[in-house]
Amino acid sequence: NGLPFNTHRTSVTFQSEWLKWLAGFAKVGLGTAVNHKPPKGLAPYLA
């Protein structure tokens, strides 16, 4: 929308199929992102 944004993200993922009857995964990410849909009259901003 005509504005430059610098964002970052750090993530960790773990997954396993160690047991034949059970498999799983977990993932978490932290960082910043752009709010692309702010209220009317407000420009997009970093969150």
All heavy atoms as atom14 arrays in JSON, in Angstrom:
{
  "sequence": "NGLPFNTHRTSVTFQSEWLKWLAGFAKVGLGTAVNHKPPKGLAPYLA",
  "atom14_mask": [
    [1, 1, 1, 1, 1, 1, 1, 1, 0, 0, 0, 0, 0, 0],
    [1, 1, 1, 1, 0, 0, 0, 0, 0, 0, 0, 0, 0, 0],
    [1, 1, 1, 1, 1, 1, 1, 1, 0, 0, 0, 0, 0, 0],
    [1, 1, 1, 1, 1, 1, 1, 0, 0, 0, 0, 0, 0, 0],
    [1, 1, 1, 1, 1, 1, 1, 1, 1, 1, 1, 0, 0, 0],
    [1, 1, 1, 1, 1, 1, 1, 1, 0, 0, 0, 0, 0, 0],
    [1, 1, 1, 1, 1, 1, 1, 0, 0, 0, 0, 0, 0, 0],
    [1, 1, 1, 1, 1, 1, 1, 1, 1, 1, 0, 0, 0, 0],
    [1, 1, 1, 1, 1, 1, 1, 1, 1, 1, 1, 0, 0, 0],
    [1, 1, 1, 1, 1, 1, 1, 0, 0, 0, 0, 0, 0, 0],
    [1, 1, 1, 1, 1, 1, 0, 0, 0, 0, 0, 0, 0, 0],
    [1, 1, 1, 1, 1, 1, 1, 0, 0, 0, 0, 0, 0, 0],
    [1, 1, 1, 1, 1, 1, 1, 0, 0, 0, 0, 0, 0, 0],
    [1, 1, 1, 1, 1, 1, 1, 1, 1, 1, 1, 0, 0, 0],
    [1, 1, 1, 1, 1, 1, 1, 1, 1, 0, 0, 0, 0, 0],
    [1, 1, 1, 1, 1, 1, 0, 0, 0, 0, 0, 0, 0, 0],
    [1, 1, 1, 1, 1, 1, 1, 1, 1, 0, 0, 0, 0, 0],
    [1, 1, 1, 1, 1, 1, 1, 1, 1, 1, 1, 1, 1, 1],
    [1, 1, 1, 1, 1, 1, 1, 1, 0, 0, 0, 0, 0, 0],
    [1, 1, 1, 1, 1, 1, 1, 1, 1, 0, 0, 0, 0, 0],
    [1, 1, 1, 1, 1, 1, 1, 1, 1, 1, 1, 1, 1, 1],
    [1, 1, 1, 1, 1, 1, 1, 1, 0, 0, 0, 0, 0, 0],
    [1, 1, 1, 1, 1, 0, 0, 0, 0, 0, 0, 0, 0, 0],
    [1, 1, 1, 1, 0, 0, 0, 0, 0, 0, 0, 0, 0, 0],
    [1, 1, 1, 1, 1, 1, 1, 1, 1, 1, 1, 0, 0, 0],
    [1, 1, 1, 1, 1, 0, 0, 0, 0, 0, 0, 0, 0, 0],
    [1, 1, 1, 1, 1, 1, 1, 1, 1, 0, 0, 0, 0, 0],
    [1, 1, 1, 1, 1, 1, 1, 0, 0, 0, 0, 0, 0, 0],
    [1, 1, 1, 1, 0, 0, 0, 0, 0, 0, 0, 0, 0, 0],
    [1, 1, 1, 1, 1, 1, 1, 1, 0, 0, 0, 0, 0, 0],
    [1, 1, 1, 1, 0, 0, 0, 0, 0, 0, 0, 0, 0, 0],
    [1, 1, 1, 1, 1, 1, 1, 0, 0, 0, 0, 0, 0, 0],
    [1, 1, 1, 1, 1, 0, 0, 0, 0, 0, 0, 0, 0, 0],
    [1, 1, 1, 1, 1, 1, 1, 0, 0, 0, 0, 0, 0, 0],
    [1, 1, 1, 1, 1, 1, 1, 1, 0, 0, 0, 0, 0, 0],
    [1, 1, 1, 1, 1, 1, 1, 1, 1, 1, 0, 0, 0, 0],
    [1, 1, 1, 1, 1, 1, 1, 1, 1, 0, 0, 0, 0, 0],
    [1, 1, 1, 1, 1, 1, 1, 0, 0, 0, 0, 0, 0, 0],
    [1, 1, 1, 1, 1, 1, 1, 0, 0, 0, 0, 0, 0, 0],
    [1, 1, 1, 1, 1, 1, 1, 1, 1, 0, 0, 0, 0, 0],
    [1, 1, 1, 1, 0, 0, 0, 0, 0, 0, 0, 0, 0, 0],
    [1, 1, 1, 1, 1, 1, 1, 1, 0, 0, 0, 0, 0, 0],
    [1, 1, 1, 1, 1, 0, 0, 0, 0, 0, 0, 0, 0, 0],
    [1, 1, 1, 1, 1, 1, 1, 0, 0, 0, 0, 0, 0, 0],
    [1, 1, 1, 1, 1, 1, 1, 1, 1, 1, 1, 1, 0, 0],
    [1, 1, 1, 1, 1, 1, 1, 1, 0, 0, 0, 0, 0, 0],
    [1, 1, 1, 1, 1, 0, 0, 0, 0, 0, 0, 0, 0, 0]
  ],
  "atom14_positions": [
    [[0.82, -1.21, 0.0], [0.0, 0.0, 0.0], [0.86, 1.27, 0.0], [0.55, 2.26, 0.66], [-0.93, 0.0, 1.22], [-2.14, 0.9, 1.04], [-2.55, 1.19, -0.09], [-2.71, 1.37, 2.13], [0.0, 0.0, 0.0], [0.0, 0.0, 0.0], [0.0, 0.0, 0.0], [0.0, 0.0, 0.0], [0.0, 0.0, 0.0], [0.0, 0.0, 0.0]],
    [[1.98, 1.19, -0.73], [2.86, 2.34, -0.84], [3.78, 2.56, 0.34], [4.49, 3.58, 0.39], [0.0, 0.0, 0.0], [0.0, 0.0, 0.0], [0.0, 0.0, 0.0], [0.0, 0.0, 0.0], [0.0, 0.0, 0.0], [0.0, 0.0, 0.0], [0.0, 0.0, 0.0], [0.0, 0.0, 0.0], [0.0, 0.0, 0.0], [0.0, 0.0, 0.0]],
    [[3.82, 1.62, 1.29], [4.65, 1.76, 2.48], [5.63, 0.6, 2.59], [5.26, -0.55, 2.33], [3.77, 1.82, 3.74], [2.78, 2.98, 3.84], [1.88, 2.79, 5.06], [3.51, 4.31, 3.92], [0.0, 0.0, 0.0], [0.0, 0.0, 0.0], [0.0, 0.0, 0.0], [0.0, 0.0, 0.0], [0.0, 0.0, 0.0], [0.0, 0.0, 0.0]],
    [[6.88, 0.87, 3.02], [7.85, -0.22, 3.2], [7.8, -0.75, 4.64], [7.68, 0.01, 5.6], [9.19, 0.47, 2.92], [8.97, 1.89, 3.34], [7.51, 2.21, 3.11], [0.0, 0.0, 0.0], [0.0, 0.0, 0.0], [0.0, 0.0, 0.0], [0.0, 0.0, 0.0], [0.0, 0.0, 0.0], [0.0, 0.0, 0.0], [0.0, 0.0, 0.0]],
    [[7.91, -2.08, 4.77], [7.9, -2.7, 6.09], [9.02, -3.73, 6.16], [9.22, -4.52, 5.23], [6.57, -3.4, 6.36], [5.38, -2.48, 6.45], [4.58, -2.26, 5.34], [5.09, -1.82, 7.63], [3.49, -1.42, 5.41], [4.0, -0.98, 7.72], [3.2, -0.77, 6.61], [0.0, 0.0, 0.0], [0.0, 0.0, 0.0], [0.0, 0.0, 0.0]],
    [[9.74, -3.73, 7.27], [10.74, -4.75, 7.56], [10.22, -5.63, 8.69], [9.88, -5.12, 9.77], [12.07, -4.11, 7.97], [12.78, -3.46, 6.79], [13.27, -4.15, 5.9], [12.81, -2.14, 6.76], [0.0, 0.0, 0.0], [0.0, 0.0, 0.0], [0.0, 0.0, 0.0], [0.0, 0.0, 0.0], [0.0, 0.0, 0.0], [0.0, 0.0, 0.0]],
    [[10.13, -6.92, 8.44], [9.6, -7.86, 9.42], [10.62, -8.95, 9.7], [11.58, -9.15, 8.95], [8.29, -8.5, 8.93], [8.56, -9.27, 7.74], [7.25, -7.43, 8.61], [0.0, 0.0, 0.0], [0.0, 0.0, 0.0], [0.0, 0.0, 0.0], [0.0, 0.0, 0.0], [0.0, 0.0, 0.0], [0.0, 0.0, 0.0], [0.0, 0.0, 0.0]],
    [[10.4, -9.68, 10.79], [11.26, -10.81, 11.12], [10.43, -11.89, 11.81], [9.33, -11.62, 12.3], [12.41, -10.38, 12.03], [11.97, -9.92, 13.39], [11.65, -8.61, 13.68], [11.76, -10.6, 14.56], [11.29, -8.5, 14.94], [11.34, -9.69, 15.49], [0.0, 0.0, 0.0], [0.0, 0.0, 0.0], [0.0, 0.0, 0.0], [0.0, 0.0, 0.0]],
    [[10.97, -13.1, 11.81], [10.27, -14.22, 12.42], [11.28, -15.28, 12.83], [12.19, -15.62, 12.06], [9.24, -14.82, 11.46], [8.44, -15.99, 12.02], [7.36, -16.42, 11.04], [6.57, -17.52, 11.56], [6.85, -18.8, 11.36], [7.93, -19.14, 10.66], [6.07, -19.74, 11.86], [0.0, 0.0, 0.0], [0.0, 0.0, 0.0], [0.0, 0.0, 0.0]],
    [[11.13, -15.81, 14.04], [11.94, -16.92, 14.55], [11.01, -18.09, 14.84], [9.96, -17.91, 15.47], [12.69, -16.52, 15.82], [13.5, -15.37, 15.55], [13.57, -17.65, 16.31], [0.0, 0.0, 0.0], [0.0, 0.0, 0.0], [0.0, 0.0, 0.0], [0.0, 0.0, 0.0], [0.0, 0.0, 0.0], [0.0, 0.0, 0.0], [0.0, 0.0, 0.0]],
    [[11.38, -19.27, 14.39], [10.49, -20.43, 14.53], [11.26, -21.66, 14.98], [12.46, -21.81, 14.71], [9.77, -20.73, 13.21], [10.71, -21.09, 12.2], [0.0, 0.0, 0.0], [0.0, 0.0, 0.0], [0.0, 0.0, 0.0], [0.0, 0.0, 0.0], [0.0, 0.0, 0.0], [0.0, 0.0, 0.0], [0.0, 0.0, 0.0], [0.0, 0.0, 0.0]],
    [[10.54, -22.55, 15.64], [11.07, -23.85, 16.07], [10.02, -24.9, 15.75], [8.83, -24.71, 16.06], [11.4, -23.87, 17.57], [11.89, -25.26, 17.98], [12.45, -22.82, 17.91], [0.0, 0.0, 0.0], [0.0, 0.0, 0.0], [0.0, 0.0, 0.0], [0.0, 0.0, 0.0], [0.0, 0.0, 0.0], [0.0, 0.0, 0.0], [0.0, 0.0, 0.0]],
    [[10.45, -25.99, 15.13], [9.54, -27.07, 14.74], [10.1, -28.41, 15.23], [11.29, -28.67, 15.08], [9.36, -27.13, 13.21], [8.92, -25.86, 12.74], [8.36, -28.21, 12.82], [0.0, 0.0, 0.0], [0.0, 0.0, 0.0], [0.0, 0.0, 0.0], [0.0, 0.0, 0.0], [0.0, 0.0, 0.0], [0.0, 0.0, 0.0], [0.0, 0.0, 0.0]],
    [[9.19, -29.23, 15.78], [9.57, -30.59, 16.18], [8.5, -31.54, 15.69], [7.29, -31.28, 15.86], [9.7, -30.7, 17.7], [10.0, -32.1, 18.16], [11.27, -32.63, 18.05], [8.98, -32.9, 18.69], [11.54, -33.93, 18.45], [9.24, -34.2, 19.11], [10.52, -34.72, 18.99], [0.0, 0.0, 0.0], [0.0, 0.0, 0.0], [0.0, 0.0, 0.0]],
    [[8.91, -32.62, 15.08], [7.97, -33.65, 14.65], [8.59, -35.02, 14.79], [9.82, -35.16, 14.74], [7.52, -33.41, 13.2], [8.59, -33.64, 12.16], [8.09, -33.41, 10.75], [7.52, -32.36, 10.45], [8.28, -34.39, 9.89], [0.0, 0.0, 0.0], [0.0, 0.0, 0.0], [0.0, 0.0, 0.0], [0.0, 0.0, 0.0], [0.0, 0.0, 0.0]],
    [[7.74, -36.01, 14.99], [8.24, -37.36, 15.23], [7.18, -38.39, 14.88], [5.98, -38.16, 15.04], [8.65, -37.52, 16.69], [9.09, -38.84, 16.96], [0.0, 0.0, 0.0], [0.0, 0.0, 0.0], [0.0, 0.0, 0.0], [0.0, 0.0, 0.0], [0.0, 0.0, 0.0], [0.0, 0.0, 0.0], [0.0, 0.0, 0.0], [0.0, 0.0, 0.0]],
    [[7.66, -39.53, 14.37], [6.83, -40.72, 14.17], [7.54, -41.89, 14.86], [7.7, -42.97, 14.29], [6.63, -40.99, 12.68], [5.85, -39.91, 11.96], [5.61, -40.24, 10.49], [5.71, -41.44, 10.14], [5.32, -39.32, 9.72], [0.0, 0.0, 0.0], [0.0, 0.0, 0.0], [0.0, 0.0, 0.0], [0.0, 0.0, 0.0], [0.0, 0.0, 0.0]],
    [[7.95, -41.67, 16.08], [8.73, -42.66, 16.81], [7.95, -43.95, 17.07], [8.5, -45.03, 17.04], [9.21, -42.05, 18.13], [10.31, -42.84, 18.77], [10.19, -43.74, 19.78], [11.69, -42.81, 18.42], [11.4, -44.28, 20.1], [12.36, -43.73, 19.27], [12.44, -42.11, 17.49], [13.73, -43.95, 19.21], [13.81, -42.33, 17.42], [14.43, -43.24, 18.28]],
    [[6.65, -43.82, 17.32], [5.8, -44.98, 17.53], [4.97, -45.25, 16.28], [4.55, -44.31, 15.6], [4.87, -44.76, 18.73], [5.55, -44.46, 20.07], [4.51, -44.16, 21.13], [6.44, -45.62, 20.5], [0.0, 0.0, 0.0], [0.0, 0.0, 0.0], [0.0, 0.0, 0.0], [0.0, 0.0, 0.0], [0.0, 0.0, 0.0], [0.0, 0.0, 0.0]],
    [[4.71, -46.52, 16.0], [3.94, -46.86, 14.81], [2.51, -46.36, 14.89], [1.9, -46.04, 13.87], [3.96, -48.38, 14.6], [5.32, -48.94, 14.22], [5.22, -50.43, 13.94], [6.57, -51.0, 13.52], [6.51, -52.45, 13.24], [0.0, 0.0, 0.0], [0.0, 0.0, 0.0], [0.0, 0.0, 0.0], [0.0, 0.0, 0.0], [0.0, 0.0, 0.0]],
    [[1.95, -46.29, 16.1], [0.55, -45.91, 16.24], [0.36, -44.43, 16.61], [-0.77, -43.96, 16.71], [-0.12, -46.76, 17.32], [0.53, -46.65, 18.67], [1.57, -47.36, 19.14], [0.17, -45.72, 19.71], [1.91, -46.97, 20.4], [1.06, -45.96, 20.78], [-0.79, -44.74, 19.84], [1.0, -45.24, 21.97], [-0.86, -44.01, 21.02], [0.02, -44.26, 22.07]],
    [[1.45, -43.7, 16.77], [1.35, -42.31, 17.2], [2.41, -41.46, 16.51], [3.59, -41.81, 16.49], [1.52, -42.2, 18.71], [1.51, -40.79, 19.3], [0.17, -40.12, 19.08], [1.86, -40.83, 20.79], [0.0, 0.0, 0.0], [0.0, 0.0, 0.0], [0.0, 0.0, 0.0], [0.0, 0.0, 0.0], [0.0, 0.0, 0.0], [0.0, 0.0, 0.0]],
    [[1.98, -40.33, 15.95], [2.88, -39.34, 15.35], [2.39, -37.96, 15.73], [1.21, -37.77, 16.04], [2.92, -39.49, 13.83], [0.0, 0.0, 0.0], [0.0, 0.0, 0.0], [0.0, 0.0, 0.0], [0.0, 0.0, 0.0], [0.0, 0.0, 0.0], [0.0, 0.0, 0.0], [0.0, 0.0, 0.0], [0.0, 0.0, 0.0], [0.0, 0.0, 0.0]],
    [[3.3, -37.0, 15.73], [2.9, -35.66, 16.12], [3.9, -34.62, 15.68], [5.03, -34.93, 15.3], [0.0, 0.0, 0.0], [0.0, 0.0, 0.0], [0.0, 0.0, 0.0], [0.0, 0.0, 0.0], [0.0, 0.0, 0.0], [0.0, 0.0, 0.0], [0.0, 0.0, 0.0], [0.0, 0.0, 0.0], [0.0, 0.0, 0.0], [0.0, 0.0, 0.0]],
    [[3.45, -33.37, 15.75], [4.34, -32.25, 15.43], [3.89, -31.04, 16.24], [2.73, -30.94, 16.66], [4.33, -31.93, 13.94], [3.06, -31.27, 13.46], [2.92, -29.89, 13.46], [1.99, -32.04, 13.01], [1.76, -29.28, 13.03], [0.82, -31.44, 12.58], [0.7, -30.06, 12.59], [0.0, 0.0, 0.0], [0.0, 0.0, 0.0], [0.0, 0.0, 0.0]],
    [[4.82, -30.14, 16.46], [4.53, -28.87, 17.14], [5.41, -27.8, 16.52], [6.6, -28.05, 16.24], [4.79, -28.98, 18.64], [0.0, 0.0, 0.0], [0.0, 0.0, 0.0], [0.0, 0.0, 0.0], [0.0, 0.0, 0.0], [0.0, 0.0, 0.0], [0.0, 0.0, 0.0], [0.0, 0.0, 0.0], [0.0, 0.0, 0.0], [0.0, 0.0, 0.0]],
    [[4.84, -26.62, 16.32], [5.57, -25.53, 15.7], [5.15, -24.22, 16.34], [3.97, -23.99, 16.59], [5.3, -25.49, 14.2], [6.08, -24.42, 13.45], [5.81, -24.5, 11.95], [6.64, -23.5, 11.16], [6.38, -23.6, 9.71], [0.0, 0.0, 0.0], [0.0, 0.0, 0.0], [0.0, 0.0, 0.0], [0.0, 0.0, 0.0], [0.0, 0.0, 0.0]],
    [[6.11, -23.35, 16.6], [5.82, -22.04, 17.18], [6.69, -21.0, 16.48], [7.85, -21.26, 16.14], [6.07, -22.03, 18.7], [7.52, -22.33, 19.03], [5.63, -20.71, 19.32], [0.0, 0.0, 0.0], [0.0, 0.0, 0.0], [0.0, 0.0, 0.0], [0.0, 0.0, 0.0], [0.0, 0.0, 0.0], [0.0, 0.0, 0.0], [0.0, 0.0, 0.0]],
    [[6.11, -19.83, 16.24], [6.83, -18.75, 15.58], [6.56, -17.42, 16.27], [5.42, -17.15, 16.68], [0.0, 0.0, 0.0], [0.0, 0.0, 0.0], [0.0, 0.0, 0.0], [0.0, 0.0, 0.0], [0.0, 0.0, 0.0], [0.0, 0.0, 0.0], [0.0, 0.0, 0.0], [0.0, 0.0, 0.0], [0.0, 0.0, 0.0], [0.0, 0.0, 0.0]],
    [[7.58, -16.61, 16.42], [7.48, -15.29, 17.04], [8.17, -14.27, 16.16], [9.23, -14.55, 15.58], [8.12, -15.29, 18.43], [7.55, -16.23, 19.49], [8.43, -16.21, 20.73], [6.12, -15.84, 19.84], [0.0, 0.0, 0.0], [0.0, 0.0, 0.0], [0.0, 0.0, 0.0], [0.0, 0.0, 0.0], [0.0, 0.0, 0.0], [0.0, 0.0, 0.0]],
    [[7.58, -13.07, 16.06], [8.22, -12.04, 15.26], [7.3, -10.86, 15.06], [6.53, -10.48, 15.95], [0.0, 0.0, 0.0], [0.0, 0.0, 0.0], [0.0, 0.0, 0.0], [0.0, 0.0, 0.0], [0.0, 0.0, 0.0], [0.0, 0.0, 0.0], [0.0, 0.0, 0.0], [0.0, 0.0, 0.0], [0.0, 0.0, 0.0], [0.0, 0.0, 0.0]],
    [[7.37, -10.29, 13.87], [6.54, -9.14, 13.53], [5.86, -9.4, 12.19], [6.34, -10.2, 11.38], [7.37, -7.85, 13.44], [8.42, -8.02, 12.48], [7.97, -7.5, 14.79], [0.0, 0.0, 0.0], [0.0, 0.0, 0.0], [0.0, 0.0, 0.0], [0.0, 0.0, 0.0], [0.0, 0.0, 0.0], [0.0, 0.0, 0.0], [0.0, 0.0, 0.0]],
    [[4.75, -8.72, 11.96], [4.0, -8.85, 10.71], [3.22, -7.56, 10.49], [3.05, -6.74, 11.39], [3.06, -10.05, 10.75], [0.0, 0.0, 0.0], [0.0, 0.0, 0.0], [0.0, 0.0, 0.0], [0.0, 0.0, 0.0], [0.0, 0.0, 0.0], [0.0, 0.0, 0.0], [0.0, 0.0, 0.0], [0.0, 0.0, 0.0], [0.0, 0.0, 0.0]],
    [[2.73, -7.39, 9.27], [1.99, -6.19, 8.9], [0.5, -6.43, 9.11], [-0.04, -7.46, 8.72], [2.25, -5.82, 7.43], [1.49, -4.56, 7.04], [3.74, -5.64, 7.19], [0.0, 0.0, 0.0], [0.0, 0.0, 0.0], [0.0, 0.0, 0.0], [0.0, 0.0, 0.0], [0.0, 0.0, 0.0], [0.0, 0.0, 0.0], [0.0, 0.0, 0.0]],
    [[-0.17, -5.48, 9.73], [-1.63, -5.5, 9.82], [-2.16, -4.92, 8.51], [-2.2, -3.7, 8.32], [-2.11, -4.67, 11.01], [-3.63, -4.71, 11.15], [-4.31, -5.45, 10.45], [-4.15, -3.92, 12.07], [0.0, 0.0, 0.0], [0.0, 0.0, 0.0], [0.0, 0.0, 0.0], [0.0, 0.0, 0.0], [0.0, 0.0, 0.0], [0.0, 0.0, 0.0]],
    [[-2.56, -5.79, 7.59], [-2.97, -5.36, 6.26], [-4.36, -4.76, 6.23], [-4.72, -4.11, 5.23], [-2.91, -6.55, 5.29], [-1.54, -7.1, 5.07], [-1.07, -8.22, 5.7], [-0.5, -6.66, 4.3], [0.16, -8.48, 5.31], [0.54, -7.54, 4.47], [0.0, 0.0, 0.0], [0.0, 0.0, 0.0], [0.0, 0.0, 0.0], [0.0, 0.0, 0.0]],
    [[-5.16, -4.98, 7.26], [-6.52, -4.46, 7.26], [-6.79, -3.63, 8.51], [-7.55, -4.05, 9.4], [-7.53, -5.61, 7.15], [-7.53, -6.29, 5.79], [-8.66, -7.29, 5.67], [-8.72, -7.89, 4.28], [-9.86, -8.84, 4.13], [0.0, 0.0, 0.0], [0.0, 0.0, 0.0], [0.0, 0.0, 0.0], [0.0, 0.0, 0.0], [0.0, 0.0, 0.0]],
    [[-6.19, -2.46, 8.6], [-6.49, -1.59, 9.74], [-7.85, -0.93, 9.54], [-8.44, -1.0, 8.45], [-5.36, -0.55, 9.68], [-5.03, -0.47, 8.23], [-5.21, -1.86, 7.68], [0.0, 0.0, 0.0], [0.0, 0.0, 0.0], [0.0, 0.0, 0.0], [0.0, 0.0, 0.0], [0.0, 0.0, 0.0], [0.0, 0.0, 0.0], [0.0, 0.0, 0.0]],
    [[-8.39, -0.25, 10.57], [-9.67, 0.45, 10.4], [-9.55, 1.56, 9.35], [-8.45, 2.02, 9.02], [-9.95, 1.01, 11.8], [-9.09, 0.22, 12.72], [-7.89, -0.18, 11.93], [0.0, 0.0, 0.0], [0.0, 0.0, 0.0], [0.0, 0.0, 0.0], [0.0, 0.0, 0.0], [0.0, 0.0, 0.0], [0.0, 0.0, 0.0], [0.0, 0.0, 0.0]],
    [[-10.69, 1.99, 8.85], [-10.7, 3.07, 7.86], [-10.08, 4.33, 8.46], [-10.35, 4.67, 9.61], [-12.12, 3.35, 7.39], [-12.71, 2.24, 6.56], [-14.09, 2.6, 6.04], [-14.67, 1.49, 5.17], [-16.03, 1.84, 4.67], [0.0, 0.0, 0.0], [0.0, 0.0, 0.0], [0.0, 0.0, 0.0], [0.0, 0.0, 0.0], [0.0, 0.0, 0.0]],
    [[-9.26, 4.99, 7.66], [-8.59, 6.18, 8.12], [-7.25, 5.93, 8.77], [-6.56, 6.88, 9.14], [0.0, 0.0, 0.0], [0.0, 0.0, 0.0], [0.0, 0.0, 0.0], [0.0, 0.0, 0.0], [0.0, 0.0, 0.0], [0.0, 0.0, 0.0], [0.0, 0.0, 0.0], [0.0, 0.0, 0.0], [0.0, 0.0, 0.0], [0.0, 0.0, 0.0]],
    [[-6.89, 4.65, 8.93], [-5.62, 4.3, 9.56], [-4.77, 3.53, 8.56], [-5.25, 2.59, 7.91], [-5.86, 3.46, 10.8], [-4.67, 3.21, 11.73], [-4.17, 4.52, 12.31], [-5.05, 2.24, 12.85], [0.0, 0.0, 0.0], [0.0, 0.0, 0.0], [0.0, 0.0, 0.0], [0.0, 0.0, 0.0], [0.0, 0.0, 0.0], [0.0, 0.0, 0.0]],
    [[-3.51, 3.91, 8.41], [-2.61, 3.25, 7.47], [-2.16, 1.9, 8.02], [-2.16, 1.69, 9.24], [-1.39, 4.13, 7.2], [0.0, 0.0, 0.0], [0.0, 0.0, 0.0], [0.0, 0.0, 0.0], [0.0, 0.0, 0.0], [0.0, 0.0, 0.0], [0.0, 0.0, 0.0], [0.0, 0.0, 0.0], [0.0, 0.0, 0.0], [0.0, 0.0, 0.0]],
    [[-1.79, 0.95, 7.16], [-1.23, -0.33, 7.64], [-0.03, -0.08, 8.54], [0.74, 0.87, 8.33], [-0.83, -1.05, 6.35], [-1.69, -0.44, 5.3], [-1.89, 0.99, 5.69], [0.0, 0.0, 0.0], [0.0, 0.0, 0.0], [0.0, 0.0, 0.0], [0.0, 0.0, 0.0], [0.0, 0.0, 0.0], [0.0, 0.0, 0.0], [0.0, 0.0, 0.0]],
    [[0.15, -0.92, 9.54], [1.23, -0.72, 10.5], [1.81, -2.06, 10.92], [1.22, -3.12, 10.71], [0.73, 0.06, 11.72], [-0.44, -0.56, 12.43], [-0.26, -1.49, 13.46], [-1.75, -0.24, 12.07], [-1.32, -2.06, 14.12], [-2.83, -0.81, 12.73], [-2.61, -1.71, 13.75], [-3.68, -2.28, 14.39], [0.0, 0.0, 0.0], [0.0, 0.0, 0.0]],
    [[3.0, -1.97, 11.54], [3.72, -3.16, 11.97], [3.24, -3.59, 13.35], [3.01, -2.75, 14.23], [5.21, -2.87, 12.0], [6.17, -4.07, 11.98], [6.02, -4.85, 10.68], [7.61, -3.59, 12.14], [0.0, 0.0, 0.0], [0.0, 0.0, 0.0], [0.0, 0.0, 0.0], [0.0, 0.0, 0.0], [0.0, 0.0, 0.0], [0.0, 0.0, 0.0]],
    [[3.08, -4.91, 13.54], [2.58, -5.45, 14.8], [3.4, -6.66, 15.2], [4.07, -7.29, 14.37], [1.1, -5.82, 14.67], [0.0, 0.0, 0.0], [0.0, 0.0, 0.0], [0.0, 0.0, 0.0], [0.0, 0.0, 0.0], [0.0, 0.0, 0.0], [0.0, 0.0, 0.0], [0.0, 0.0, 0.0], [0.0, 0.0, 0.0], [0.0, 0.0, 0.0]]
  ]
}
